[in-house]
Amino acid sequence: MEQVKKMLAALGERLAGLAKRNAVVAKPLSVGDRHVVPLCELTLGLGGGGGTGEGTTTGGKATGPHKGTGGGVGGAAKAVPVAVVIIEGGKVRLESLGQ
């Protein structure tokens, strides 16, 4: 179970790092004197589970029937553009994308 906790913690740290890069405020796009900065909505998901096992060993080797279940973790990060900041000719405006 401790190994699953460590995997979840490592995955959470990795997702947090991914989410920080170009997620909330994405990389600006520029053409001439017009600059567009995408603003994104961020969604993170994380899940995990542990397992157990039974069996007998002698000297570190299996000596009888064994059975058990495994464990694992998974996660995802998604950034969806919801608006853009447009900088053009010394003026700034916000344009919503969709709703």
N, C-alpha and C. Protein backbone atom coordinates (compact mmCIF):
# COMPACT_ATOMS: atom_id res chain seq x y z
N MET A 1 0.82 -1.19 0.00
CA MET A 1 0.00 0.00 0.00
C MET A 1 0.87 1.26 0.00
N GLU A 2 2.00 1.18 0.66
CA GLU A 2 2.91 2.33 0.72
C GLU A 2 3.43 2.68 -0.68
N GLN A 3 3.66 1.66 -1.49
CA GLN A 3 4.14 1.89 -2.85
C GLN A 3 3.09 2.62 -3.68
N VAL A 4 1.82 2.27 -3.50
CA VAL A 4 0.74 2.95 -4.23
C VAL A 4 0.67 4.41 -3.80
N LYS A 5 0.82 4.68 -2.51
CA LYS A 5 0.81 6.06 -2.02
C LYS A 5 1.95 6.86 -2.65
N LYS A 6 3.12 6.23 -2.76
CA LYS A 6 4.26 6.91 -3.38
C LYS A 6 4.01 7.18 -4.86
N MET A 7 3.40 6.21 -5.55
CA MET A 7 3.09 6.41 -6.97
C MET A 7 2.08 7.54 -7.15
N LEU A 8 1.05 7.58 -6.30
CA LEU A 8 0.05 8.66 -6.38
C LEU A 8 0.69 10.02 -6.14
N ALA A 9 1.57 10.10 -5.15
CA ALA A 9 2.24 11.36 -4.86
C ALA A 9 3.10 11.80 -6.04
N ALA A 10 3.84 10.87 -6.62
CA ALA A 10 4.70 11.19 -7.76
C ALA A 10 3.87 11.63 -8.96
N LEU A 11 2.77 10.94 -9.21
CA LEU A 11 1.90 11.30 -10.33
C LEU A 11 1.28 12.67 -10.12
N GLY A 12 0.85 12.95 -8.89
CA GLY A 12 0.28 14.26 -8.58
C GLY A 12 1.27 15.38 -8.82
N GLU A 13 2.51 15.17 -8.41
CA GLU A 13 3.56 16.18 -8.63
C GLU A 13 3.80 16.39 -10.12
N ARG A 14 3.82 15.30 -10.87
CA ARG A 14 4.06 15.39 -12.32
C ARG A 14 2.92 16.13 -13.02
N LEU A 15 1.68 15.82 -12.64
CA LEU A 15 0.53 16.50 -13.23
C LEU A 15 0.51 17.98 -12.88
N ALA A 16 0.86 18.29 -11.65
CA ALA A 16 0.91 19.70 -11.24
C ALA A 16 1.94 20.45 -12.07
N GLY A 17 3.08 19.82 -12.33
CA GLY A 17 4.10 20.44 -13.16
C GLY A 17 3.62 20.64 -14.59
N LEU A 18 2.93 19.64 -15.14
CA LEU A 18 2.40 19.77 -16.50
C LEU A 18 1.33 20.86 -16.57
N ALA A 19 0.51 20.93 -15.55
CA ALA A 19 -0.58 21.90 -15.53
C ALA A 19 -0.06 23.33 -15.47
N LYS A 20 1.09 23.53 -14.88
CA LYS A 20 1.64 24.88 -14.75
C LYS A 20 2.16 25.41 -16.09
N ARG A 21 2.56 24.51 -16.97
CA ARG A 21 3.14 24.93 -18.24
C ARG A 21 2.07 25.19 -19.28
N ASN A 22 1.97 26.43 -19.73
CA ASN A 22 1.07 26.81 -20.82
C ASN A 22 -0.36 26.33 -20.62
N ALA A 23 -0.84 26.28 -19.39
CA ALA A 23 -2.18 25.77 -19.17
C ALA A 23 -3.17 26.89 -18.89
N VAL A 24 -2.95 27.69 -17.89
CA VAL A 24 -3.89 28.75 -17.55
C VAL A 24 -3.71 29.92 -18.52
N VAL A 25 -2.50 30.36 -18.70
CA VAL A 25 -2.18 31.38 -19.69
C VAL A 25 -1.20 30.73 -20.65
N ALA A 26 -1.66 30.47 -21.87
CA ALA A 26 -0.84 29.75 -22.83
C ALA A 26 0.18 30.68 -23.50
N LYS A 27 1.05 30.09 -24.27
CA LYS A 27 2.09 30.84 -24.98
C LYS A 27 1.46 31.83 -25.95
N PRO A 28 1.87 33.11 -25.90
CA PRO A 28 1.31 34.12 -26.81
C PRO A 28 1.64 33.83 -28.27
N LEU A 29 0.72 34.22 -29.15
CA LEU A 29 0.92 34.11 -30.59
C LEU A 29 1.01 35.53 -31.13
N SER A 30 1.99 35.81 -31.97
CA SER A 30 2.18 37.17 -32.48
C SER A 30 2.30 37.18 -33.99
N VAL A 31 1.62 38.18 -34.61
CA VAL A 31 1.75 38.44 -36.04
C VAL A 31 1.81 39.96 -36.18
N GLY A 32 2.96 40.46 -36.57
CA GLY A 32 3.13 41.91 -36.66
C GLY A 32 2.97 42.55 -35.29
N ASP A 33 2.10 43.58 -35.21
CA ASP A 33 1.89 44.24 -33.92
C ASP A 33 0.66 43.69 -33.19
N ARG A 34 0.11 42.58 -33.65
CA ARG A 34 -1.04 41.94 -32.99
C ARG A 34 -0.54 40.74 -32.19
N HIS A 35 -0.92 40.71 -30.91
CA HIS A 35 -0.53 39.61 -30.02
C HIS A 35 -1.80 39.01 -29.42
N VAL A 36 -1.88 37.70 -29.42
CA VAL A 36 -3.03 36.99 -28.87
C VAL A 36 -2.53 36.04 -27.78
N VAL A 37 -3.15 36.16 -26.59
CA VAL A 37 -2.77 35.31 -25.46
C VAL A 37 -3.97 34.44 -25.09
N PRO A 38 -3.92 33.12 -25.35
CA PRO A 38 -5.03 32.24 -24.98
C PRO A 38 -5.13 32.06 -23.45
N LEU A 39 -6.36 32.10 -22.95
CA LEU A 39 -6.64 31.81 -21.54
C LEU A 39 -7.41 30.50 -21.50
N CYS A 40 -6.98 29.58 -20.65
CA CYS A 40 -7.54 28.24 -20.65
C CYS A 40 -8.15 27.86 -19.31
N GLU A 41 -9.17 27.00 -19.40
CA GLU A 41 -9.74 26.38 -18.21
C GLU A 41 -8.99 25.07 -18.01
N LEU A 42 -8.58 24.80 -16.80
CA LEU A 42 -7.77 23.63 -16.50
C LEU A 42 -8.58 22.59 -15.74
N THR A 43 -8.48 21.34 -16.19
CA THR A 43 -9.13 20.23 -15.51
C THR A 43 -8.07 19.17 -15.20
N LEU A 44 -8.02 18.73 -13.95
CA LEU A 44 -7.09 17.67 -13.54
C LEU A 44 -7.88 16.49 -13.01
N GLY A 45 -7.43 15.29 -13.32
CA GLY A 45 -8.04 14.09 -12.78
C GLY A 45 -6.96 13.15 -12.28
N LEU A 46 -7.22 12.48 -11.17
CA LEU A 46 -6.24 11.59 -10.56
C LEU A 46 -6.97 10.45 -9.87
N GLY A 47 -6.49 9.23 -10.06
CA GLY A 47 -7.10 8.08 -9.39
C GLY A 47 -6.06 7.01 -9.13
N GLY A 48 -6.37 6.16 -8.20
CA GLY A 48 -5.44 5.08 -7.88
C GLY A 48 -6.09 4.02 -7.03
N GLY A 49 -5.45 2.89 -6.94
CA GLY A 49 -5.95 1.81 -6.11
C GLY A 49 -4.82 0.88 -5.72
N GLY A 50 -5.03 0.16 -4.63
CA GLY A 50 -4.01 -0.75 -4.12
C GLY A 50 -4.46 -2.19 -4.24
N GLY A 51 -3.59 -3.10 -3.89
CA GLY A 51 -3.90 -4.51 -3.98
C GLY A 51 -3.36 -5.29 -2.80
N THR A 52 -3.72 -6.55 -2.75
CA THR A 52 -3.27 -7.45 -1.68
C THR A 52 -2.89 -8.79 -2.30
N GLY A 53 -2.22 -9.61 -1.52
CA GLY A 53 -1.85 -10.93 -2.00
C GLY A 53 -1.72 -11.93 -0.87
N GLU A 54 -1.80 -13.22 -1.22
CA GLU A 54 -1.66 -14.31 -0.25
C GLU A 54 -0.77 -15.39 -0.86
N GLY A 55 -0.09 -16.11 0.00
CA GLY A 55 0.71 -17.22 -0.47
C GLY A 55 1.76 -17.61 0.55
N THR A 56 2.44 -18.72 0.30
CA THR A 56 3.49 -19.18 1.20
C THR A 56 4.82 -19.21 0.46
N THR A 57 5.88 -18.93 1.21
CA THR A 57 7.23 -18.97 0.64
C THR A 57 8.16 -19.71 1.59
N THR A 58 9.19 -20.29 1.02
CA THR A 58 10.25 -20.90 1.79
C THR A 58 11.57 -20.43 1.20
N GLY A 59 12.36 -19.77 2.00
CA GLY A 59 13.64 -19.27 1.51
C GLY A 59 13.49 -18.25 0.39
N GLY A 60 12.40 -17.50 0.40
CA GLY A 60 12.18 -16.48 -0.62
C GLY A 60 11.59 -17.00 -1.91
N LYS A 61 11.26 -18.31 -1.95
CA LYS A 61 10.66 -18.89 -3.17
C LYS A 61 9.25 -19.37 -2.87
N ALA A 62 8.39 -19.24 -3.88
CA ALA A 62 7.00 -19.67 -3.74
C ALA A 62 6.95 -21.18 -3.53
N THR A 63 6.19 -21.63 -2.52
CA THR A 63 6.08 -23.06 -2.25
C THR A 63 4.66 -23.57 -2.34
N GLY A 64 3.72 -22.71 -2.56
CA GLY A 64 2.32 -23.12 -2.65
C GLY A 64 1.56 -22.19 -3.55
N PRO A 65 0.25 -22.39 -3.58
CA PRO A 65 -0.56 -21.53 -4.44
C PRO A 65 -0.53 -20.07 -3.96
N HIS A 66 -0.53 -19.18 -4.90
CA HIS A 66 -0.52 -17.75 -4.60
C HIS A 66 -1.68 -17.09 -5.33
N LYS A 67 -2.24 -16.09 -4.72
CA LYS A 67 -3.26 -15.30 -5.39
C LYS A 67 -3.19 -13.88 -4.87
N GLY A 68 -3.66 -12.97 -5.65
CA GLY A 68 -3.64 -11.57 -5.23
C GLY A 68 -4.19 -10.65 -6.29
N THR A 69 -4.17 -9.41 -5.94
CA THR A 69 -4.63 -8.38 -6.86
C THR A 69 -3.56 -7.31 -6.96
N GLY A 70 -3.58 -6.57 -8.04
CA GLY A 70 -2.58 -5.53 -8.25
C GLY A 70 -3.08 -4.15 -7.90
N GLY A 71 -2.25 -3.19 -8.16
CA GLY A 71 -2.61 -1.79 -7.92
C GLY A 71 -2.09 -0.93 -9.05
N GLY A 72 -2.58 0.27 -9.10
CA GLY A 72 -2.11 1.18 -10.13
C GLY A 72 -2.65 2.58 -9.94
N VAL A 73 -2.11 3.49 -10.71
CA VAL A 73 -2.54 4.89 -10.65
C VAL A 73 -2.67 5.43 -12.07
N GLY A 74 -3.43 6.49 -12.21
CA GLY A 74 -3.57 7.14 -13.50
C GLY A 74 -4.04 8.57 -13.31
N GLY A 75 -3.82 9.36 -14.30
CA GLY A 75 -4.25 10.75 -14.20
C GLY A 75 -4.20 11.43 -15.55
N ALA A 76 -4.79 12.60 -15.59
CA ALA A 76 -4.82 13.38 -16.83
C ALA A 76 -4.94 14.86 -16.51
N ALA A 77 -4.48 15.67 -17.42
CA ALA A 77 -4.65 17.12 -17.34
C ALA A 77 -5.15 17.60 -18.69
N LYS A 78 -6.11 18.52 -18.66
CA LYS A 78 -6.67 19.04 -19.91
C LYS A 78 -6.84 20.54 -19.79
N ALA A 79 -6.39 21.27 -20.79
CA ALA A 79 -6.56 22.72 -20.84
C ALA A 79 -7.41 23.06 -22.06
N VAL A 80 -8.54 23.74 -21.82
CA VAL A 80 -9.46 24.11 -22.90
C VAL A 80 -9.48 25.64 -23.03
N PRO A 81 -9.18 26.18 -24.21
CA PRO A 81 -9.22 27.64 -24.38
C PRO A 81 -10.64 28.17 -24.14
N VAL A 82 -10.77 29.19 -23.29
CA VAL A 82 -12.07 29.79 -23.00
C VAL A 82 -12.14 31.26 -23.40
N ALA A 83 -11.00 31.90 -23.58
CA ALA A 83 -10.95 33.31 -23.97
C ALA A 83 -9.57 33.63 -24.50
N VAL A 84 -9.46 34.79 -25.14
CA VAL A 84 -8.16 35.27 -25.59
C VAL A 84 -8.04 36.75 -25.25
N VAL A 85 -6.83 37.15 -24.91
CA VAL A 85 -6.51 38.56 -24.72
C VAL A 85 -5.84 39.01 -26.02
N ILE A 86 -6.38 40.06 -26.62
CA ILE A 86 -5.84 40.56 -27.88
C ILE A 86 -5.20 41.92 -27.62
N ILE A 87 -3.93 42.03 -27.97
CA ILE A 87 -3.19 43.28 -27.81
C ILE A 87 -2.83 43.76 -29.21
N GLU A 88 -3.37 44.94 -29.57
CA GLU A 88 -3.16 45.44 -30.93
C GLU A 88 -3.23 46.97 -30.93
N GLY A 89 -2.24 47.59 -31.55
CA GLY A 89 -2.24 49.04 -31.67
C GLY A 89 -2.30 49.78 -30.34
N GLY A 90 -1.66 49.24 -29.32
CA GLY A 90 -1.66 49.89 -28.01
C GLY A 90 -2.93 49.69 -27.21
N LYS A 91 -3.88 48.89 -27.72
CA LYS A 91 -5.14 48.61 -27.01
C LYS A 91 -5.20 47.14 -26.64
N VAL A 92 -5.91 46.86 -25.54
CA VAL A 92 -6.07 45.49 -25.06
C VAL A 92 -7.56 45.19 -24.95
N ARG A 93 -7.96 44.01 -25.45
CA ARG A 93 -9.36 43.60 -25.28
C ARG A 93 -9.42 42.10 -24.99
N LEU A 94 -10.50 41.70 -24.34
CA LEU A 94 -10.73 40.30 -23.98
C LEU A 94 -11.89 39.78 -24.82
N GLU A 95 -11.68 38.66 -25.49
CA GLU A 95 -12.72 38.04 -26.31
C GLU A 95 -13.00 36.65 -25.76
N SER A 96 -14.27 36.39 -25.45
CA SER A 96 -14.69 35.08 -24.96
C SER A 96 -14.80 34.11 -26.13
N LEU A 97 -14.48 32.85 -25.90
CA LEU A 97 -14.61 31.80 -26.91
C LEU A 97 -15.76 30.90 -26.49
N GLY A 98 -16.89 31.01 -27.12
CA GLY A 98 -18.03 30.17 -26.78
C GLY A 98 -18.95 30.84 -25.80
N GLN A 99 -19.30 30.12 -24.74
CA GLN A 99 -20.29 30.57 -23.76
C GLN A 99 -19.86 31.88 -23.20
